[in-house]
């Protein structure tokens, strides 16, 4: 029998199980690891045989972790994150220091990028890599040091610090504003409304905005987008009215590309945060970027 120094089972089986546990799907795990679902299932079965205990409850078209599976998944996730972090640190030794930050496209394009020049002017030796994703779990990757998120400040296994609160109000292009004068919120509710829906339902929709500002429920003329950047671009080109998040559209208003249609506004129900893993410390470069982000005004 081969003696393994750490008394561990097959590393391939551990990797297969960790991916399946993270996705709760053999198919998604197989896509990530570029193997067949049958290969993932076989590796997980080998690991269960080695342990002598099941790691999943196999429901109809669904997986659910057992108590032992949850323990194994948590330990592997923490271990792989530490290995990933150390790997990247060793890889950069002798070269430029780097830090990876994740955000949505809207946050990167409209808020972060216009400010990053100031960071680079003071920190020439730090390379900032960007991961951009509008998918709900697209930023849940171990190679991301810092994340800019919108929410209530509570994310599993993450530490968060608030960046800022925000305000929301209707905006449109100057031409649309000229051709569609708005004298009341009831007038506004009859216009072509551009709404971002279907990705993260914590974002405010037109229905919730109008309800909060006291407009009675009515049938709305809504054109839906799954990208805030594209919805704003549609508003800039006079195609309708978008909900403007003050922190994101303020420069466009100052430049005359967008205008506010009314004085009506609401407080964003949640806030923007910078977050990082609670299971591994930030390296020096990530600490510098985090502190700089927290020094900014929304």
Protein backbone atom coordinates (compact mmCIF):
# COMPACT_ATOMS: atom_id res chain seq x y z
CA UNK A 1 0.00 0.00 0.00
CA UNK A 2 1.24 3.50 -0.86
CA UNK A 3 1.83 5.60 2.24
CA UNK A 4 0.64 9.20 1.85
CA UNK A 5 2.47 11.63 4.13
CA UNK A 6 -0.68 13.66 4.99
CA UNK A 7 -2.96 10.60 5.01
CA UNK A 8 -5.17 12.24 2.39
CA UNK A 9 -7.32 10.59 -0.27
CA UNK A 10 -6.90 11.33 -3.98
CA UNK A 11 -6.42 15.04 -4.61
CA UNK A 12 -8.48 14.66 -7.79
CA UNK A 13 -11.36 13.30 -5.71
CA UNK A 14 -11.06 16.18 -3.25
CA UNK A 15 -11.08 18.74 -6.07
CA UNK A 16 -14.08 17.09 -7.71
CA UNK A 17 -16.04 17.01 -4.45
CA UNK A 18 -15.17 20.64 -3.59
CA UNK A 19 -16.43 21.85 -6.97
CA UNK A 20 -19.61 19.73 -6.73
CA UNK A 21 -20.25 20.99 -3.17
CA UNK A 22 -19.71 24.63 -4.18
CA UNK A 23 -22.12 24.38 -7.11
CA UNK A 24 -24.39 21.69 -5.62
CA UNK A 25 -24.30 20.32 -9.15
CA UNK A 26 -22.28 17.57 -10.82
CA UNK A 27 -22.86 19.17 -14.22
CA UNK A 28 -21.54 22.59 -13.21
CA UNK A 29 -18.59 21.00 -11.43
CA UNK A 30 -17.77 19.01 -14.57
CA UNK A 31 -17.90 22.18 -16.69
CA UNK A 32 -15.54 23.95 -14.29
CA UNK A 33 -13.04 21.07 -14.22
CA UNK A 34 -13.48 20.21 -17.92
CA UNK A 35 -14.45 16.58 -17.36
CA UNK A 36 -17.72 14.65 -17.68
CA UNK A 37 -20.40 14.61 -14.96
CA UNK A 38 -19.82 10.86 -14.75
CA UNK A 39 -16.16 11.45 -13.90
CA UNK A 40 -17.14 13.87 -11.10
CA UNK A 41 -19.67 11.37 -9.77
CA UNK A 42 -17.08 8.60 -9.80
CA UNK A 43 -14.53 10.72 -7.90
CA UNK A 44 -17.12 11.72 -5.29
CA UNK A 45 -18.15 8.07 -4.84
CA UNK A 46 -14.49 7.10 -4.34
CA UNK A 47 -14.15 9.75 -1.65
CA UNK A 48 -17.35 8.59 0.07
CA UNK A 49 -16.11 4.97 -0.02
CA UNK A 50 -12.81 6.10 1.51
CA UNK A 51 -14.64 7.95 4.28
CA UNK A 52 -17.27 5.31 4.78
CA UNK A 53 -19.93 8.04 4.89
CA UNK A 54 -22.12 9.80 2.30
CA UNK A 55 -21.22 13.42 1.52
CA UNK A 56 -24.41 14.25 -0.41
CA UNK A 57 -28.08 13.52 -0.15
CA UNK A 58 -28.96 12.79 -3.78
CA UNK A 59 -32.38 14.34 -4.39
CA UNK A 60 -34.27 14.33 -7.68
CA UNK A 61 -32.16 16.59 -9.91
CA UNK A 62 -30.50 18.17 -6.87
CA UNK A 63 -27.67 17.63 -4.42
CA UNK A 64 -27.71 18.48 -0.73
CA UNK A 65 -24.71 18.23 1.55
CA UNK A 66 -24.80 15.92 4.54
CA UNK A 67 -23.36 17.10 7.85
CA UNK A 68 -20.09 15.37 6.99
CA UNK A 69 -20.22 16.88 3.51
CA UNK A 70 -20.57 20.38 4.93
CA UNK A 71 -17.54 19.81 7.17
CA UNK A 72 -15.43 18.53 4.28
CA UNK A 73 -16.57 21.29 1.91
CA UNK A 74 -15.73 24.05 4.42
CA UNK A 75 -12.27 22.61 5.11
CA UNK A 76 -11.46 22.19 1.42
CA UNK A 77 -12.72 25.65 0.50
CA UNK A 78 -10.53 27.24 3.18
CA UNK A 79 -7.53 25.15 2.20
CA UNK A 80 -7.86 25.83 -1.52
CA UNK A 81 -8.28 29.57 -0.88
CA UNK A 82 -5.08 29.65 1.15
CA UNK A 83 -3.21 27.70 -1.52
CA UNK A 84 -4.53 30.05 -4.23
CA UNK A 85 -3.49 33.13 -2.26
CA UNK A 86 -0.02 31.77 -1.53
CA UNK A 87 0.43 30.68 -5.14
CA UNK A 88 -0.29 34.19 -6.40
CA UNK A 89 2.02 35.76 -3.82
CA UNK A 90 4.89 33.44 -4.73
CA UNK A 91 4.23 34.03 -8.42
CA UNK A 92 4.68 37.79 -8.01
CA UNK A 93 7.91 37.60 -5.99
CA UNK A 94 10.59 39.55 -7.82
CA UNK A 95 8.02 41.30 -9.98
CA UNK A 96 5.35 43.93 -9.45
CA UNK A 97 3.02 43.49 -6.51
CA UNK A 98 -0.60 42.85 -7.50
CA UNK A 99 -4.09 42.80 -6.06
CA UNK A 100 -7.33 41.58 -7.65
CA UNK A 101 -10.62 43.43 -7.19
CA UNK A 102 -14.04 42.25 -8.33
CA UNK A 103 -17.12 44.31 -9.14
CA UNK A 104 -20.10 44.57 -11.45
CA UNK A 105 -19.69 46.19 -14.85
CA UNK A 106 -21.66 49.26 -13.71
CA UNK A 107 -19.50 49.75 -10.63
CA UNK A 108 -16.28 49.24 -12.58
CA UNK A 109 -17.25 51.44 -15.53
CA UNK A 110 -19.11 54.28 -13.81
CA UNK A 111 -17.57 54.48 -10.33
CA UNK A 112 -14.26 52.69 -9.97
CA UNK A 113 -12.45 53.39 -13.25
CA UNK A 114 -12.82 57.19 -13.09
CA UNK A 115 -11.15 57.08 -9.66
CA UNK A 116 -8.40 54.49 -10.27
CA UNK A 117 -6.06 57.00 -11.89
CA UNK A 118 -5.61 58.68 -8.51
CA UNK A 119 -4.66 55.36 -6.94
CA UNK A 120 -2.09 54.54 -9.63
CA UNK A 121 -0.56 58.01 -9.35
CA UNK A 122 0.35 57.24 -5.74
CA UNK A 123 1.06 53.51 -6.02
CA UNK A 124 3.04 52.91 -9.21
CA UNK A 125 4.37 49.59 -7.90
CA UNK A 126 0.98 47.93 -7.38
CA UNK A 127 -0.75 46.21 -10.29
CA UNK A 128 -4.54 46.08 -9.90
CA UNK A 129 -6.24 43.23 -11.76
CA UNK A 130 -9.99 43.52 -12.34
CA UNK A 131 -12.62 40.77 -12.43
CA UNK A 132 -15.92 42.04 -13.82
CA UNK A 133 -19.15 40.05 -13.47
CA UNK A 134 -22.85 40.87 -13.34
CA UNK A 135 -23.79 37.30 -12.38
CA UNK A 136 -25.08 36.81 -8.85
CA UNK A 137 -22.19 34.55 -7.79
CA UNK A 138 -19.69 35.66 -10.42
CA UNK A 139 -17.41 37.27 -7.84
CA UNK A 140 -17.31 34.28 -5.48
CA UNK A 141 -13.84 33.27 -6.61
CA UNK A 142 -10.82 32.61 -4.38
CA UNK A 143 -8.46 34.57 -6.65
CA UNK A 144 -10.33 37.83 -5.91
CA UNK A 145 -8.84 39.73 -2.96
CA UNK A 146 -11.41 42.52 -2.67
CA UNK A 147 -15.00 42.80 -3.85
CA UNK A 148 -17.25 45.83 -4.21
CA UNK A 149 -20.77 44.68 -3.43
CA UNK A 150 -24.23 46.15 -3.00
CA UNK A 151 -26.29 44.69 -0.18
CA UNK A 152 -26.94 44.62 3.55
CA UNK A 153 -23.30 44.03 4.53
CA UNK A 154 -23.80 40.33 5.35
CA UNK A 155 -22.12 37.78 3.07
CA UNK A 156 -21.12 34.27 4.17
CA UNK A 157 -17.46 33.96 5.17
CA UNK A 158 -16.70 37.59 4.28
CA UNK A 159 -15.73 40.71 6.21
CA UNK A 160 -17.33 43.92 4.95
CA UNK A 161 -16.92 47.64 5.47
CA UNK A 162 -19.34 50.19 4.12
CA UNK A 163 -18.19 52.41 1.28
CA UNK A 164 -21.27 54.63 1.01
CA UNK A 165 -25.06 54.94 0.90
CA UNK A 166 -26.77 56.09 -2.28
CA UNK A 167 -29.78 57.97 -3.66
CA UNK A 168 -31.97 56.97 -6.62
CA UNK A 169 -33.86 59.30 -8.99
CA UNK A 170 -35.19 59.33 -12.60
CA UNK A 171 -32.80 60.37 -15.39
CA UNK A 172 -33.01 60.63 -19.17
CA UNK A 173 -31.18 62.17 -22.08
CA UNK A 174 -31.63 65.93 -22.74
CA UNK A 175 -33.57 65.26 -25.95
CA UNK A 176 -36.02 62.93 -24.25
CA UNK A 177 -36.46 65.42 -21.43
CA UNK A 178 -37.21 68.18 -23.94
CA UNK A 179 -39.78 66.10 -25.83
CA UNK A 180 -41.44 64.63 -22.74
CA UNK A 181 -41.99 67.31 -20.09
CA UNK A 182 -42.74 65.84 -16.68
CA UNK A 183 -44.92 67.83 -14.30
CA UNK A 184 -45.75 65.03 -11.88
CA UNK A 185 -44.80 61.48 -11.00
CA UNK A 186 -48.01 60.35 -12.68
CA UNK A 187 -46.64 61.86 -15.93
CA UNK A 188 -43.39 60.01 -15.35
CA UNK A 189 -45.18 56.68 -14.86
CA UNK A 190 -46.67 56.92 -18.37
CA UNK A 191 -43.30 57.21 -20.14
CA UNK A 192 -41.00 54.54 -21.54
CA UNK A 193 -39.21 53.24 -18.45
CA UNK A 194 -35.83 51.48 -18.65
CA UNK A 195 -35.45 48.90 -15.90
CA UNK A 196 -32.56 46.66 -14.81
CA UNK A 197 -33.99 43.30 -13.75
CA UNK A 198 -33.25 39.62 -13.60
CA UNK A 199 -29.68 39.54 -12.24
CA UNK A 200 -29.76 40.86 -8.69
CA UNK A 201 -33.21 41.50 -7.31
CA UNK A 202 -31.83 43.63 -4.49
CA UNK A 203 -31.61 46.44 -7.08
CA UNK A 204 -34.55 48.83 -7.08
CA UNK A 205 -37.04 48.47 -9.94
CA UNK A 206 -39.44 51.07 -11.31
CA UNK A 207 -42.38 49.41 -9.59
CA UNK A 208 -40.72 49.73 -6.17
CA UNK A 209 -39.49 53.28 -6.86
CA UNK A 210 -42.95 54.53 -7.87
CA UNK A 211 -44.61 52.68 -5.00
CA UNK A 212 -42.21 54.29 -2.51
CA UNK A 213 -42.77 57.76 -3.96
CA UNK A 214 -46.54 57.40 -3.62
CA UNK A 215 -47.64 56.67 -7.18
CA UNK A 216 -50.64 54.29 -7.22
CA UNK A 217 -50.07 50.88 -8.80
CA UNK A 218 -50.62 51.03 -12.53
CA UNK A 219 -49.56 49.24 -15.68
CA UNK A 220 -46.08 50.47 -16.63
CA UNK A 221 -44.40 50.65 -20.02
CA UNK A 222 -41.15 48.92 -19.01
CA UNK A 223 -38.25 47.95 -21.25
CA UNK A 224 -35.98 45.54 -19.36
CA UNK A 225 -32.20 45.15 -19.37
CA UNK A 226 -29.81 42.80 -17.59
CA UNK A 227 -27.03 45.41 -17.64
CA UNK A 228 -27.15 48.76 -15.87
CA UNK A 229 -24.46 50.17 -18.18
CA UNK A 230 -26.61 49.43 -21.25
CA UNK A 231 -29.75 50.81 -19.58
CA UNK A 232 -27.90 54.06 -18.85
CA UNK A 233 -26.62 54.18 -22.44
CA UNK A 234 -30.20 53.77 -23.67
CA UNK A 235 -31.25 56.69 -21.46
CA UNK A 236 -28.36 58.83 -22.77
CA UNK A 237 -29.53 58.20 -26.33
CA UNK A 238 -33.07 59.43 -25.54
CA UNK A 239 -34.77 56.03 -25.51
CA UNK A 240 -36.50 56.39 -22.15
CA UNK A 241 -36.12 57.03 -18.44
CA UNK A 242 -33.70 55.10 -16.24
CA UNK A 243 -33.30 55.00 -12.48
CA UNK A 244 -30.14 56.94 -11.77
CA UNK A 245 -28.00 55.87 -8.83
CA UNK A 246 -26.40 59.15 -7.72
CA UNK A 247 -22.89 57.71 -7.27
CA UNK A 248 -22.94 56.22 -10.77
CA UNK A 249 -24.62 58.90 -12.89
CA UNK A 250 -23.41 62.12 -11.23
CA UNK A 251 -20.56 62.61 -13.77
CA UNK A 252 -22.97 62.05 -16.66
CA UNK A 253 -25.32 64.69 -15.26
CA UNK A 254 -22.44 67.14 -14.80
CA UNK A 255 -21.36 66.53 -18.39
CA UNK A 256 -24.89 67.16 -19.68
CA UNK A 257 -25.34 63.61 -21.00
CA UNK A 258 -28.20 62.93 -18.57
CA UNK A 259 -30.70 65.15 -16.77
CA UNK A 260 -32.92 64.59 -13.77
CA UNK A 261 -36.59 64.60 -14.73
CA UNK A 262 -38.04 65.42 -11.28
CA UNK A 263 -36.88 66.27 -7.78
CA UNK A 264 -38.32 62.96 -6.55
CA UNK A 265 -35.75 60.57 -5.12
CA UNK A 266 -35.48 57.74 -2.63
CA UNK A 267 -32.71 56.39 -0.46
CA UNK A 268 -31.21 53.19 -1.87
CA UNK A 269 -32.55 50.46 0.44
CA UNK A 270 -29.07 48.94 0.86
CA UNK A 271 -25.47 50.17 0.63
CA UNK A 272 -22.20 49.60 -1.20
CA UNK A 273 -19.46 47.71 0.64
CA UNK A 274 -15.92 46.53 0.11
CA UNK A 275 -15.59 42.90 1.23
CA UNK A 276 -12.88 40.26 1.57
CA UNK A 277 -12.49 36.69 2.79
CA UNK A 278 -12.79 36.10 6.52
CA UNK A 279 -10.66 32.97 6.20
CA UNK A 280 -7.39 34.49 4.99
CA UNK A 281 -5.68 37.81 5.71
CA UNK A 282 -5.25 40.42 3.02
CA UNK A 283 -1.75 40.94 1.69
CA UNK A 284 -0.14 44.36 1.99
CA UNK A 285 -1.18 45.47 -1.49
CA UNK A 286 -4.82 44.55 -0.89
CA UNK A 287 -4.77 46.39 2.45
CA UNK A 288 -3.49 49.52 0.68
CA UNK A 289 -6.22 49.35 -1.97
CA UNK A 290 -8.91 48.61 0.62
CA UNK A 291 -7.89 51.60 2.77
CA UNK A 292 -7.86 53.83 -0.31
CA UNK A 293 -11.36 52.70 -1.32
CA UNK A 294 -12.68 53.44 2.17
CA UNK A 295 -11.19 56.95 2.01
CA UNK A 296 -13.27 57.84 -1.08
CA UNK A 297 -16.55 59.71 -1.09
CA UNK A 298 -19.48 57.96 -2.71
